[in-house]
Amino acid sequence: MFPALETELKQEVLPDPYEDFMYRHLQYYGYFKAQRRSLPNSATHHHVWKNNPQYLLNGSLGERDDLTQDTLQRKLPWPTCLSSVVHRQIEAVRRGISCPSRPENSGSFMDSLMLSSPLLRSRQLLYDELDEVNPRLREPQELFAFFSTRGPLQPPRWPIECEVIKESIHHIEWVPSLPEYFYQPTGNEKVPEIVGEEKGTVVYQLDSVPTEASYFTSSRVGGKRGIIKEPAVTLQGPEDNTLLFESRFESGNLQKAVRVDTYEYELTLRTDLYTNKHTQWFYFRVQNTRKDTTYRFTIVNLLKPKSLYTIGMKPLMYSQSDANTHNIGWRREGNEIKYYKNNMDDGQQPFYCLTWTIRFPHDQDTCFFAHFYPYTYTDLQCYLLSVANNPIQSQFCKLRSLCRSLAGNTVYLLTITNPSETPQEAAAKKAVVLSARVHPGESNGSWIMKGFLDFILSNSPDAQLLRDIFVFKVVPMLNPDGVIVGNYRCSLAGRDLNRHYKTLLKKSFPCIWHTRNMIKRLLEEREVLLYCDFHGHSRKNNIFLYGCNNNNRKYWLHERVFPLMLSKNAPDKVST
């Protein structure tokens, strides 16, 4: 190859001007914005940069020194570190001239030289088609540019024990035109006696479900290898009115369905993976429906003694036919709703039942039921993709990976703020940290988060003012693994992440560990004015806040300021 050049490059350790630039540029809070005054931006300077690879940017940002060779030799410690032979070899590489002694190696050497030598033009600089206008820096890979309109989203990774259907599940977004009122209990609601599979017929059952006796080992896209079994019964003909159940999709968690009468089914929810508890969230699909027939569903293994269903909250239903023909999405449906204690006591923890009746709107429809409006990991990625590809929003909302979850799914971090005029102005901004879905079954937290992001990324004057004043750090989904597999409360470690913020086990609880570490670094840089984590609650209505209690009497009212502001600005939704 080029022995003289290799020897001299090994002997001389040269600083990288791009590293220095990016370090100083991104040290504030993670947004990317090329500033013209930091780069040679005249046609003369650009010409010098292009045609003289030994010239480097001045180490001090923002200065406009003349890029003459004498000046650079005075300012830089390495202007004449290469011999004339080496300069000729570099010039040959730049012009694409092969080395006469080893022509087959010239291309590979040029590639390695471009990657290793700071004396050649940085590959992080982008030029326009004419190659004559001011250069700008390429955004670092794996920092912001996760999504591309030319490529697919990152598919979810599942534990290798989980069977996953190939069918993609998608629901439209729809807001009912009228308020959906609670069911008004009459006191005469039927309380079905649980009979179980001994007297009924199992029409759906998942066999490969990890329990508390096992633990997470590995994951893959698509979950379990091999052929996906059919856990539902096979219909005997067009007159067979057995419902077909399915939940092997994102956030689904039905484990078993038992037909105990012609139109009555007992349902068992899957516990959080690698545990034997935490059943509250439900999300499943039914097919082969019959119109104008009253069906009854009873979930038999809920764990909480109290629930909003006791005061009339209705389950959610989604009709694929209504969505396709009438653009109607999720809606609250159900009658004869009753939440009660299970009569089958096995001597261990007591179970509770939720029963309701439903009349499907169409024959041969595909319908879904859920505890709350589902919001999956794929839904989040689709939303972030739209933000990343928005030419306006992407200027003040930057996206990067906070970490990878146990299963290898990306935990995203958004930094939202308007660019500042000066470094001093940027450093003076206070921070606000927001997060959601540490409990995967509380999908309402994701919808509140989406509402916040819709607002803060909008052109509303209030949103623009907030972006001018604050730096928003947002972790929209703290527990993507739990969301993907349909857990209610836990991660794949089988633990409630909301109880492990003090953990030192980085590998067991990466999402929480990295979130806490991010906040620690942020505190070293600027004041964090507020941290708000969005949850859902199974026993309380409306919007409320839990806060910390400061033992220092001087600050004991500080935690109450934000709830008070909310109650004053939205008295119809928040009450203190």
Protein backbone atom coordinates (compact mmCIF):
# COMPACT_ATOMS: atom_id res chain seq x y z
CA MET A 1 0.00 0.00 0.00
CA PHE A 2 1.51 3.33 1.15
CA PRO A 3 4.17 2.48 3.77
CA ALA A 4 5.45 6.02 4.18
CA LEU A 5 1.98 7.36 4.88
CA GLU A 6 1.07 4.50 7.22
CA THR A 7 4.25 5.00 9.25
CA GLU A 8 3.74 8.72 9.67
CA LEU A 9 0.05 8.40 10.55
CA LYS A 10 0.89 5.83 13.22
CA GLN A 11 3.52 8.07 14.70
CA GLU A 12 1.31 11.15 14.83
CA VAL A 13 -1.95 11.19 16.85
CA LEU A 14 -4.02 13.97 15.36
CA PRO A 15 -7.05 15.64 16.93
CA ASP A 16 -10.34 15.35 15.07
CA PRO A 17 -11.98 18.74 14.47
CA TYR A 18 -15.36 17.13 13.87
CA GLU A 19 -15.31 15.43 17.27
CA ASP A 20 -14.45 18.72 18.91
CA PHE A 21 -17.21 20.51 17.03
CA MET A 22 -19.89 17.92 17.82
CA TYR A 23 -18.92 17.69 21.47
CA ARG A 24 -19.31 21.40 21.97
CA HIS A 25 -22.37 21.56 19.75
CA LEU A 26 -24.37 18.80 21.42
CA GLN A 27 -23.34 19.36 25.01
CA TYR A 28 -26.43 21.40 25.78
CA TYR A 29 -29.45 19.12 25.45
CA GLY A 30 -29.29 16.96 22.36
CA TYR A 31 -30.89 18.93 19.54
CA PHE A 32 -29.04 19.27 16.24
CA LYS A 33 -28.76 22.58 14.42
CA ALA A 34 -25.85 23.51 12.19
CA GLN A 35 -24.74 27.08 12.80
CA ARG A 36 -23.19 28.84 9.85
CA ARG A 37 -20.77 30.86 11.90
CA SER A 38 -19.20 27.60 13.13
CA LEU A 39 -18.25 26.48 9.61
CA PRO A 40 -16.30 28.04 6.73
CA ASN A 41 -19.22 29.55 4.88
CA SER A 42 -17.84 31.69 2.10
CA ALA A 43 -17.13 30.44 -1.39
CA THR A 44 -13.42 31.08 -0.83
CA HIS A 45 -13.32 29.15 2.43
CA HIS A 46 -15.33 26.34 0.89
CA HIS A 47 -12.92 26.16 -2.03
CA VAL A 48 -9.95 26.02 0.32
CA TRP A 49 -11.56 23.24 2.34
CA LYS A 50 -12.42 21.17 -0.71
CA ASN A 51 -9.10 21.42 -2.48
CA ASN A 52 -6.67 21.44 0.43
CA PRO A 53 -7.25 18.38 2.61
CA GLN A 54 -4.44 19.41 4.95
CA TYR A 55 -6.43 22.49 6.03
CA LEU A 56 -8.60 21.97 9.07
CA LEU A 57 -11.28 23.98 10.80
CA ASN A 58 -10.00 26.28 13.50
CA GLY A 59 -10.30 24.62 16.89
CA SER A 60 -12.19 27.57 18.39
CA LEU A 61 -15.81 27.65 17.25
CA GLY A 62 -17.33 30.79 15.87
CA GLU A 63 -14.08 32.52 14.88
CA ARG A 64 -13.71 33.75 11.31
CA ASP A 65 -9.96 33.58 10.75
CA ASP A 66 -8.65 33.69 7.19
CA LEU A 67 -7.87 30.18 6.06
CA THR A 68 -4.49 30.91 4.54
CA GLN A 69 -1.75 28.36 4.76
CA ASP A 70 0.54 30.66 6.77
CA THR A 71 -2.22 31.38 9.25
CA LEU A 72 -3.08 27.71 9.62
CA GLN A 73 0.54 26.79 10.09
CA ARG A 74 0.79 29.28 12.91
CA LYS A 75 -2.43 28.13 14.61
CA LEU A 76 -2.32 24.36 14.09
CA PRO A 77 0.33 22.09 15.57
CA TRP A 78 0.36 19.70 12.60
CA PRO A 79 0.43 21.71 9.32
CA THR A 80 3.66 20.19 7.98
CA CYS A 81 3.63 16.80 9.66
CA LEU A 82 3.55 14.89 6.36
CA SER A 83 6.42 14.56 3.99
CA SER A 84 6.22 15.63 0.35
CA VAL A 85 6.01 11.97 -0.65
CA VAL A 86 3.01 11.47 1.59
CA HIS A 87 1.34 14.62 0.22
CA ARG A 88 1.75 13.29 -3.28
CA GLN A 89 0.24 9.95 -2.24
CA ILE A 90 -2.71 11.69 -0.60
CA GLU A 91 -3.24 13.79 -3.70
CA ALA A 92 -3.14 10.64 -5.81
CA VAL A 93 -5.78 9.03 -3.63
CA ARG A 94 -7.95 12.16 -3.74
CA ARG A 95 -7.83 12.22 -7.54
CA GLY A 96 -8.44 8.48 -7.79
CA ILE A 97 -4.96 7.70 -9.20
CA SER A 98 -3.86 4.14 -8.46
CA CYS A 99 -0.54 3.45 -6.85
CA PRO A 100 1.61 1.93 -9.62
CA SER A 101 3.16 -0.62 -7.34
CA ARG A 102 -0.06 -2.00 -5.80
CA PRO A 103 -3.03 -0.88 -7.94
CA GLU A 104 -5.38 -3.44 -6.47
CA ASN A 105 -5.07 -1.89 -3.00
CA SER A 106 -5.63 1.75 -3.85
CA GLY A 107 -9.40 1.64 -3.43
CA SER A 108 -9.38 -0.10 -0.06
CA PHE A 109 -6.64 2.21 1.16
CA MET A 110 -8.59 5.27 0.11
CA ASP A 111 -11.62 4.03 2.07
CA SER A 112 -9.56 3.32 5.18
CA LEU A 113 -7.77 6.64 4.86
CA MET A 114 -11.04 8.54 4.59
CA LEU A 115 -12.23 6.83 7.75
CA SER A 116 -9.07 7.16 9.82
CA SER A 117 -7.29 10.33 8.80
CA PRO A 118 -8.56 13.69 10.09
CA LEU A 119 -6.51 15.41 7.41
CA LEU A 120 -8.98 14.50 4.69
CA ARG A 121 -12.34 16.17 4.25
CA SER A 122 -14.83 14.96 6.87
CA ARG A 123 -17.43 12.56 5.57
CA GLN A 124 -19.87 14.14 8.02
CA LEU A 125 -20.08 17.28 5.87
CA LEU A 126 -22.93 17.43 3.36
CA TYR A 127 -23.01 19.61 0.25
CA ASP A 128 -25.81 20.47 -2.12
CA GLU A 129 -26.06 19.16 -5.65
CA LEU A 130 -23.88 21.97 -7.07
CA ASP A 131 -21.25 21.30 -4.40
CA GLU A 132 -20.70 25.02 -4.10
CA VAL A 133 -22.84 26.16 -1.16
CA ASN A 134 -22.06 26.21 2.58
CA PRO A 135 -21.48 22.72 4.00
CA ARG A 136 -23.58 21.43 6.86
CA LEU A 137 -23.03 18.60 9.30
CA ARG A 138 -24.66 15.23 8.82
CA GLU A 139 -26.73 14.16 11.82
CA PRO A 140 -24.86 11.39 13.68
CA GLN A 141 -26.18 7.91 13.00
CA GLU A 142 -27.99 6.11 15.83
CA LEU A 143 -28.55 9.42 17.58
CA PHE A 144 -31.52 10.94 15.78
CA ALA A 145 -32.08 9.17 12.47
CA PHE A 146 -33.97 6.07 13.56
CA PHE A 147 -36.71 6.25 10.98
CA SER A 148 -36.69 6.49 7.24
CA THR A 149 -39.60 6.87 4.88
CA ARG A 150 -37.85 4.33 2.66
CA GLY A 151 -37.69 1.60 5.28
CA PRO A 152 -40.03 -0.26 7.65
CA LEU A 153 -40.48 0.38 11.36
CA GLN A 154 -38.44 -1.60 13.83
CA PRO A 155 -40.52 -4.74 14.42
CA PRO A 156 -41.23 -5.60 18.06
CA ARG A 157 -39.09 -8.24 19.70
CA TRP A 158 -40.92 -10.90 21.71
CA PRO A 159 -39.75 -13.53 24.22
CA ILE A 160 -38.99 -16.74 22.35
CA GLU A 161 -41.79 -18.57 24.21
CA CYS A 162 -44.55 -16.32 22.79
CA GLU A 163 -46.50 -17.31 19.70
CA VAL A 164 -47.35 -14.32 17.52
CA ILE A 165 -49.72 -14.25 14.59
CA LYS A 166 -48.44 -12.69 11.36
CA GLU A 167 -51.56 -10.61 10.85
CA SER A 168 -51.14 -6.89 11.48
CA ILE A 169 -53.73 -5.36 13.83
CA HIS A 170 -54.69 -1.76 13.22
CA HIS A 171 -57.48 0.41 14.64
CA ILE A 172 -58.67 3.80 13.46
CA GLU A 173 -58.74 6.77 15.80
CA TRP A 174 -62.22 8.07 16.45
CA VAL A 175 -63.82 10.36 18.99
CA PRO A 176 -67.52 9.74 19.84
CA SER A 177 -69.76 12.68 19.01
CA LEU A 178 -71.54 12.39 22.38
CA PRO A 179 -70.24 11.57 25.89
CA GLU A 180 -70.30 7.89 26.73
CA TYR A 181 -72.10 7.54 30.03
CA PHE A 182 -71.51 4.87 32.65
CA TYR A 183 -73.84 1.93 32.88
CA GLN A 184 -76.36 2.54 35.67
CA PRO A 185 -76.55 -0.58 37.87
CA THR A 186 -80.08 -1.73 38.66
CA GLY A 187 -79.20 -4.19 41.42
CA ASN A 188 -80.78 -7.01 39.42
CA GLU A 189 -77.71 -7.88 37.34
CA LYS A 190 -77.10 -11.60 36.92
CA VAL A 191 -74.13 -13.09 38.81
CA PRO A 192 -73.08 -16.13 36.74
CA GLU A 193 -71.75 -19.11 38.62
CA ILE A 194 -68.33 -20.12 37.36
CA VAL A 195 -68.45 -23.65 35.98
CA GLY A 196 -65.03 -23.99 34.32
CA GLU A 197 -63.84 -26.30 31.60
CA GLU A 198 -65.10 -29.40 33.45
CA LYS A 199 -68.66 -28.54 32.40
CA GLY A 200 -67.86 -26.34 29.45
CA THR A 201 -65.91 -26.59 26.19
CA VAL A 202 -62.49 -24.99 25.76
CA VAL A 203 -62.59 -23.04 22.50
CA TYR A 204 -59.32 -21.13 22.92
CA GLN A 205 -56.22 -21.84 24.98
CA LEU A 206 -52.58 -20.78 24.94
CA ASP A 207 -50.19 -23.52 26.03
CA SER A 208 -46.76 -21.91 25.79
CA VAL A 209 -47.20 -19.20 28.41
CA PRO A 210 -44.20 -18.40 30.66
CA THR A 211 -45.12 -18.66 34.34
CA GLU A 212 -43.47 -17.68 37.62
CA ALA A 213 -41.39 -20.86 37.50
CA SER A 214 -39.53 -19.59 34.41
CA TYR A 215 -37.66 -16.43 33.52
CA PHE A 216 -36.82 -14.40 30.46
CA THR A 217 -33.86 -15.73 28.47
CA SER A 218 -33.94 -14.29 24.94
CA SER A 219 -36.12 -12.66 22.33
CA ARG A 220 -36.61 -12.47 18.60
CA VAL A 221 -38.76 -10.66 16.09
CA GLY A 222 -41.93 -12.69 15.68
CA GLY A 223 -41.53 -14.58 18.95
CA LYS A 224 -41.55 -18.36 18.96
CA ARG A 225 -39.97 -20.17 16.04
CA GLY A 226 -41.84 -22.70 13.96
CA ILE A 227 -45.40 -23.09 12.82
CA ILE A 228 -48.04 -21.16 14.74
CA LYS A 229 -50.64 -23.50 16.21
CA GLU A 230 -54.35 -22.88 15.94
CA PRO A 231 -55.59 -22.50 19.53
CA ALA A 232 -59.20 -21.91 18.45
CA VAL A 233 -61.69 -24.59 17.56
CA THR A 234 -62.40 -25.45 13.94
CA LEU A 235 -65.86 -24.46 12.77
CA GLN A 236 -67.98 -27.40 11.62
CA GLY A 237 -69.83 -25.44 8.97
CA PRO A 238 -71.59 -22.12 8.20
CA GLU A 239 -74.21 -22.85 10.86
CA ASP A 240 -71.63 -23.25 13.63
CA ASN A 241 -71.99 -20.11 15.75
CA THR A 242 -68.96 -20.68 18.02
CA LEU A 243 -66.98 -17.52 18.53
CA LEU A 244 -63.34 -17.61 17.42
CA PHE A 245 -60.97 -15.96 19.89
CA GLU A 246 -57.47 -14.60 19.37
CA SER A 247 -54.98 -12.54 21.41
CA ARG A 248 -51.52 -13.41 20.03
CA PHE A 249 -50.87 -9.90 18.83
CA GLU A 250 -49.36 -6.77 20.35
CA SER A 251 -50.78 -6.06 23.83
CA GLY A 252 -53.20 -9.00 23.67
CA ASN A 253 -53.44 -11.19 26.76
CA LEU A 254 -56.35 -13.66 26.67
CA GLN A 255 -55.18 -17.11 27.74
CA LYS A 256 -58.32 -19.25 27.66
CA ALA A 257 -61.96 -19.11 26.60
CA VAL A 258 -64.51 -21.71 27.72
CA ARG A 259 -67.94 -21.97 26.12
CA VAL A 260 -70.40 -22.69 28.93
CA ASP A 261 -73.61 -22.07 26.98
CA THR A 262 -74.60 -21.33 23.41
CA TYR A 263 -73.82 -17.61 23.69
CA GLU A 264 -71.96 -17.51 27.01
CA TYR A 265 -68.20 -17.65 27.55
CA GLU A 266 -65.86 -17.68 30.54
CA LEU A 267 -62.54 -15.95 29.90
CA THR A 268 -59.21 -16.37 31.69
CA LEU A 269 -56.63 -13.63 31.31
CA ARG A 270 -52.94 -14.42 31.03
CA THR A 271 -50.95 -13.19 34.04
CA ASP A 272 -47.94 -10.94 33.50
CA LEU A 273 -45.19 -13.05 31.95
CA TYR A 274 -42.92 -14.83 34.42
CA THR A 275 -45.34 -14.10 37.29
CA ASN A 276 -48.56 -15.60 38.66
CA LYS A 277 -50.40 -12.32 39.20
CA HIS A 278 -51.34 -8.90 37.84
CA THR A 279 -54.52 -9.44 35.84
CA GLN A 280 -56.59 -6.35 35.07
CA TRP A 281 -55.79 -5.28 31.52
CA PHE A 282 -57.53 -7.27 28.77
CA TYR A 283 -57.46 -7.07 24.98
CA PHE A 284 -58.64 -9.80 22.60
CA ARG A 285 -60.42 -10.45 19.31
CA VAL A 286 -63.58 -12.39 18.47
CA GLN A 287 -64.83 -13.50 15.06
CA ASN A 288 -67.85 -15.35 13.63
CA THR A 289 -70.34 -13.05 15.38
CA ARG A 290 -74.11 -13.12 15.07
CA LYS A 291 -76.16 -9.95 14.90
CA ASP A 292 -79.07 -9.25 17.31
CA THR A 293 -78.03 -12.02 19.66
CA THR A 294 -77.17 -11.37 23.29
CA TYR A 295 -73.77 -12.76 24.27
CA ARG A 296 -72.34 -12.89 27.78
CA PHE A 297 -68.65 -12.70 28.63
CA THR A 298 -67.27 -13.29 32.13
CA ILE A 299 -63.61 -12.72 33.01
CA VAL A 300 -62.96 -15.05 35.93
CA ASN A 301 -59.46 -14.29 37.30
CA LEU A 302 -59.20 -10.56 38.09
CA LEU A 303 -57.23 -9.77 41.25
CA LYS A 304 -58.39 -6.37 42.50
CA PRO A 305 -61.31 -6.33 44.95
CA LYS A 306 -62.41 -2.87 43.75
CA SER A 307 -62.82 -1.51 40.24
CA LEU A 308 -64.51 1.25 38.28
CA TYR A 309 -66.67 -1.51 36.80
CA THR A 310 -68.50 -1.59 40.14
CA ILE A 311 -69.90 1.86 39.39
CA GLY A 312 -70.73 1.20 35.76
CA MET A 313 -67.62 1.66 33.62
CA LYS A 314 -68.18 -0.20 30.36
CA PRO A 315 -65.71 -2.37 28.43
CA LEU A 316 -64.52 -1.06 25.08
CA MET A 317 -65.61 -2.70 21.83
CA TYR A 318 -64.32 -2.21 18.28
CA SER A 319 -66.20 -3.42 15.21
CA GLN A 320 -64.11 -3.88 12.08
CA SER A 321 -67.21 -3.55 9.90
CA ASP A 322 -68.23 -0.27 11.53
CA ALA A 323 -64.67 1.03 11.17
CA ASN A 324 -64.54 0.14 7.47
CA THR A 325 -68.01 1.33 6.49
CA HIS A 326 -68.89 4.09 8.97
CA ASN A 327 -65.47 5.21 10.25
CA ILE A 328 -66.51 4.35 13.83
CA GLY A 329 -63.76 3.19 16.17
CA TRP A 330 -63.59 2.11 19.80
CA ARG A 331 -66.69 2.74 21.87
CA ARG A 332 -67.98 1.85 25.33
CA GLU A 333 -70.53 -0.94 25.12
CA GLY A 334 -72.15 -3.50 27.39
CA ASN A 335 -75.12 -4.11 29.67
CA GLU A 336 -75.76 -6.03 32.89
CA ILE A 337 -72.22 -5.15 34.00
CA LYS A 338 -71.25 -6.70 37.32
CA TYR A 339 -67.96 -6.91 39.21
CA TYR A 340 -68.00 -9.52 41.97
CA LYS A 341 -65.94 -12.06 43.91
CA ASN A 342 -65.33 -15.41 42.27
CA ASN A 343 -67.13 -18.28 44.03
CA MET A 344 -64.26 -20.69 43.31
CA ASP A 345 -61.87 -20.29 46.27
CA ASP A 346 -58.73 -22.41 45.95
CA GLY A 347 -57.44 -21.36 49.36
CA GLN A 348 -54.91 -18.96 47.88
CA GLN A 349 -55.48 -15.43 46.60
CA PRO A 350 -59.14 -14.65 45.86
CA PHE A 351 -60.23 -13.90 42.31
CA TYR A 352 -62.86 -11.46 41.08
CA CYS A 353 -65.10 -11.59 38.06
CA LEU A 354 -66.28 -9.05 35.51
CA THR A 355 -69.37 -10.03 33.54
CA TRP A 356 -71.24 -8.13 30.84
CA THR A 357 -73.61 -8.76 27.94
CA ILE A 358 -73.18 -7.47 24.39
CA ARG A 359 -75.10 -7.45 21.12
CA PHE A 360 -72.83 -7.38 18.08
CA PRO A 361 -73.82 -4.92 15.34
CA HIS A 362 -73.09 -7.23 12.37
CA ASP A 363 -73.05 -10.85 11.30
CA GLN A 364 -69.65 -12.41 10.56
CA ASP A 365 -67.89 -9.40 12.01
CA THR A 366 -64.42 -9.13 13.55
CA CYS A 367 -64.62 -7.38 16.90
CA PHE A 368 -62.19 -6.51 19.69
CA PHE A 369 -62.67 -5.96 23.40
CA ALA A 370 -60.32 -4.03 25.68
CA HIS A 371 -60.06 -2.62 29.19
CA PHE A 372 -58.99 0.75 27.80
CA TYR A 373 -58.12 2.18 24.38
CA PRO A 374 -55.07 0.16 23.26
CA TYR A 375 -51.87 2.01 22.42
CA THR A 376 -49.16 -0.37 21.28
CA TYR A 377 -45.42 -0.07 20.72
CA THR A 378 -46.07 0.02 16.98
CA ASP A 379 -48.54 2.87 17.49
CA LEU A 380 -45.80 4.83 19.24
CA GLN A 381 -43.29 4.14 16.48
CA CYS A 382 -45.76 5.27 13.82
CA TYR A 383 -46.29 8.51 15.74
CA LEU A 384 -42.57 9.12 16.17
CA LEU A 385 -42.03 8.39 12.49
CA SER A 386 -44.50 11.12 11.57
CA VAL A 387 -42.65 13.56 13.85
CA ALA A 388 -39.23 12.60 12.48
CA ASN A 389 -40.43 13.12 8.91
CA ASN A 390 -42.15 16.44 9.65
CA PRO A 391 -39.79 19.17 8.35
CA ILE A 392 -41.02 21.69 10.92
CA GLN A 393 -41.40 19.54 14.04
CA SER A 394 -38.07 17.81 13.49
CA GLN A 395 -36.32 21.17 13.86
CA PHE A 396 -37.19 21.43 17.55
CA CYS A 397 -37.95 17.80 18.45
CA LYS A 398 -34.98 15.47 18.34
CA LEU A 399 -35.25 11.74 18.83
CA ARG A 400 -32.67 9.30 20.10
CA SER A 401 -32.42 5.95 21.81
CA LEU A 402 -32.28 6.12 25.59
CA CYS A 403 -31.48 2.40 25.85
CA ARG A 404 -32.61 -1.04 24.81
CA SER A 405 -35.07 -3.02 26.90
CA LEU A 406 -34.45 -6.58 28.10
CA ALA A 407 -35.93 -7.91 24.87
CA GLY A 408 -33.94 -5.46 22.76
CA ASN A 409 -36.73 -3.01 21.97
CA THR A 410 -35.73 0.64 21.74
CA VAL A 411 -36.71 2.97 24.57
CA TYR A 412 -37.05 6.37 22.89
CA LEU A 413 -36.11 9.76 24.29
CA LEU A 414 -37.40 13.00 22.81
CA THR A 415 -35.75 16.38 23.40
CA ILE A 416 -38.13 19.23 22.61
CA THR A 417 -37.07 22.88 22.69
CA ASN A 418 -36.71 25.80 20.32
CA PRO A 419 -33.15 26.60 19.22
CA SER A 420 -31.57 29.35 21.31
CA GLU A 421 -29.84 32.42 19.97
CA THR A 422 -26.82 32.10 22.24
CA PRO A 423 -25.17 29.40 24.38
CA GLN A 424 -25.95 31.47 27.46
CA GLU A 425 -29.65 31.51 26.59
CA ALA A 426 -29.63 27.75 26.00
CA ALA A 427 -27.88 27.07 29.30
CA ALA A 428 -30.40 29.21 31.20
CA LYS A 429 -33.37 27.06 30.19
CA LYS A 430 -34.91 24.88 32.88
CA ALA A 431 -35.95 21.32 32.15
CA VAL A 432 -39.21 19.39 32.36
CA VAL A 433 -39.13 15.58 32.28
CA LEU A 434 -42.18 13.54 31.27
CA SER A 435 -42.66 9.78 30.97
CA ALA A 436 -45.43 7.21 30.51
CA ARG A 437 -46.26 3.49 30.38
CA VAL A 438 -44.05 2.23 33.17
CA HIS A 439 -47.18 0.13 33.80
CA PRO A 440 -47.98 -1.35 30.37
CA GLY A 441 -51.66 -2.01 31.10
CA GLU A 442 -52.32 1.69 31.77
CA SER A 443 -52.67 2.65 28.12
CA ASN A 444 -54.53 5.86 29.03
CA GLY A 445 -51.10 7.17 30.06
CA SER A 446 -49.98 6.89 26.43
CA TRP A 447 -53.03 8.77 25.17
CA ILE A 448 -52.37 11.59 27.64
CA MET A 449 -48.76 11.61 26.48
CA LYS A 450 -49.87 11.75 22.84
CA GLY A 451 -52.12 14.69 23.67
CA PHE A 452 -49.22 16.50 25.30
CA LEU A 453 -46.93 15.82 22.33
CA ASP A 454 -49.60 16.96 19.86
CA PHE A 455 -49.78 20.24 21.77
CA ILE A 456 -46.10 20.90 22.47
CA LEU A 457 -45.17 20.13 18.84
CA SER A 458 -47.89 22.38 17.43
CA ASN A 459 -47.65 25.98 16.23
CA SER A 460 -49.80 27.18 19.12
CA PRO A 461 -48.40 30.41 20.63
CA ASP A 462 -48.49 28.77 24.06
CA ALA A 463 -46.52 25.76 22.78
CA GLN A 464 -43.97 28.02 21.10
CA LEU A 465 -43.55 30.01 24.31
CA LEU A 466 -43.04 26.83 26.35
CA ARG A 467 -40.43 25.60 23.86
CA ASP A 468 -38.65 28.95 24.15
CA ILE A 469 -38.52 28.75 27.94
CA PHE A 470 -38.01 25.05 28.69
CA VAL A 471 -36.18 21.94 27.55
CA PHE A 472 -38.61 19.00 27.53
CA LYS A 473 -37.17 15.51 27.95
CA VAL A 474 -39.83 12.92 27.13
CA VAL A 475 -39.71 9.13 27.52
CA PRO A 476 -43.06 8.14 25.95
CA MET A 477 -42.87 4.41 26.72
CA LEU A 478 -40.78 3.27 29.70
CA ASN A 479 -41.74 -0.40 29.48
CA PRO A 480 -42.04 -1.37 25.80
CA ASP A 481 -41.57 -5.09 26.49
CA GLY A 482 -44.54 -5.16 28.85
CA VAL A 483 -46.65 -3.22 26.35
CA ILE A 484 -45.78 -5.61 23.53
CA VAL A 485 -46.60 -8.83 25.39
CA GLY A 486 -49.78 -7.47 27.01
CA ASN A 487 -48.62 -7.28 30.62
CA TYR A 488 -50.60 -5.23 33.10
CA ARG A 489 -47.87 -4.07 35.47
CA CYS A 490 -44.48 -5.77 35.03
CA SER A 491 -41.49 -5.89 32.72
CA LEU A 492 -39.98 -9.12 31.44
CA ALA A 493 -37.99 -9.26 34.67
CA GLY A 494 -41.31 -10.12 36.33
CA ARG A 495 -41.09 -6.99 38.47
CA ASP A 496 -43.00 -3.74 38.76
CA LEU A 497 -40.56 -1.16 37.37
CA ASN A 498 -42.33 1.59 39.32
CA ARG A 499 -40.91 0.03 42.49
CA HIS A 500 -37.31 -0.15 41.26
CA TYR A 501 -36.20 3.41 40.58
CA LYS A 502 -33.40 3.00 43.15
CA THR A 503 -32.09 -0.15 41.53
CA LEU A 504 -28.41 -0.62 40.78
CA LEU A 505 -29.15 -3.57 38.48
CA LYS A 506 -28.60 -1.93 35.11
CA LYS A 507 -28.94 -5.15 33.10
CA SER A 508 -32.11 -6.31 34.86
CA PHE A 509 -33.92 -2.97 34.75
CA PRO A 510 -32.29 -1.04 31.87
CA CYS A 511 -35.27 1.24 31.14
CA ILE A 512 -35.46 2.57 34.70
CA TRP A 513 -31.72 2.70 35.23
CA HIS A 514 -31.10 4.74 32.08
CA THR A 515 -34.03 7.06 32.77
CA ARG A 516 -32.72 7.84 36.22
CA ASN A 517 -29.20 8.29 34.84
CA MET A 518 -30.50 10.65 32.16
CA ILE A 519 -32.17 12.78 34.82
CA LYS A 520 -28.99 12.79 36.92
CA ARG A 521 -26.98 14.10 33.97
CA LEU A 522 -29.67 16.65 33.24
CA LEU A 523 -29.53 17.90 36.84
CA GLU A 524 -25.80 18.47 36.49
CA GLU A 525 -26.52 20.65 33.48
CA ARG A 526 -29.61 22.61 34.48
CA GLU A 527 -32.46 22.78 36.99
CA VAL A 528 -35.25 20.23 36.51
CA LEU A 529 -38.41 22.11 37.34
CA LEU A 530 -40.87 19.21 37.06
CA TYR A 531 -40.95 15.46 36.57
CA CYS A 532 -44.37 14.02 35.73
CA ASP A 533 -45.02 10.32 35.09
CA PHE A 534 -48.35 9.50 33.37
CA HIS A 535 -50.35 6.57 34.76
CA GLY A 536 -53.87 5.18 34.68
CA HIS A 537 -55.95 4.14 37.69
CA SER A 538 -58.42 1.27 37.92
CA ARG A 539 -60.42 2.63 40.87
CA LYS A 540 -60.48 6.44 40.54
CA ASN A 541 -62.29 8.75 38.15
CA ASN A 542 -61.07 11.77 36.21
CA ILE A 543 -57.63 13.41 36.47
CA PHE A 544 -55.62 13.67 39.67
CA LEU A 545 -52.02 13.81 40.83
CA TYR A 546 -49.89 12.01 43.37
CA GLY A 547 -46.90 13.99 44.58
CA CYS A 548 -43.88 13.83 46.82
CA ASN A 549 -43.75 15.18 50.35
CA ASN A 550 -40.67 17.25 51.08
CA ASN A 551 -39.48 16.95 54.66
CA ASN A 552 -37.93 20.39 54.48
CA ARG A 553 -40.68 22.75 55.62
CA LYS A 554 -39.18 25.50 53.48
CA TYR A 555 -40.14 23.57 50.33
CA TRP A 556 -43.13 21.53 51.48
CA LEU A 557 -45.59 23.47 49.30
CA HIS A 558 -43.52 23.24 46.11
CA GLU A 559 -45.04 19.92 45.04
CA ARG A 560 -48.52 21.42 45.31
CA VAL A 561 -47.92 24.31 42.91
CA PHE A 562 -48.34 22.36 39.67
CA PRO A 563 -51.59 20.59 40.74
CA LEU A 564 -52.95 23.97 41.81
CA MET A 565 -52.08 25.44 38.41
CA LEU A 566 -53.85 22.55 36.68
CA SER A 567 -57.00 22.99 38.75
CA LYS A 568 -57.08 26.72 37.97
CA ASN A 569 -56.52 26.26 34.23
CA ALA A 570 -58.75 23.19 33.75
CA PRO A 571 -61.33 23.25 36.57
CA ASP A 572 -63.72 21.01 34.61
CA LYS A 573 -61.13 18.21 34.50
CA VAL A 574 -58.87 18.61 37.53
CA SER A 575 -59.99 19.29 41.10
CA THR A 576 -57.85 19.84 44.17
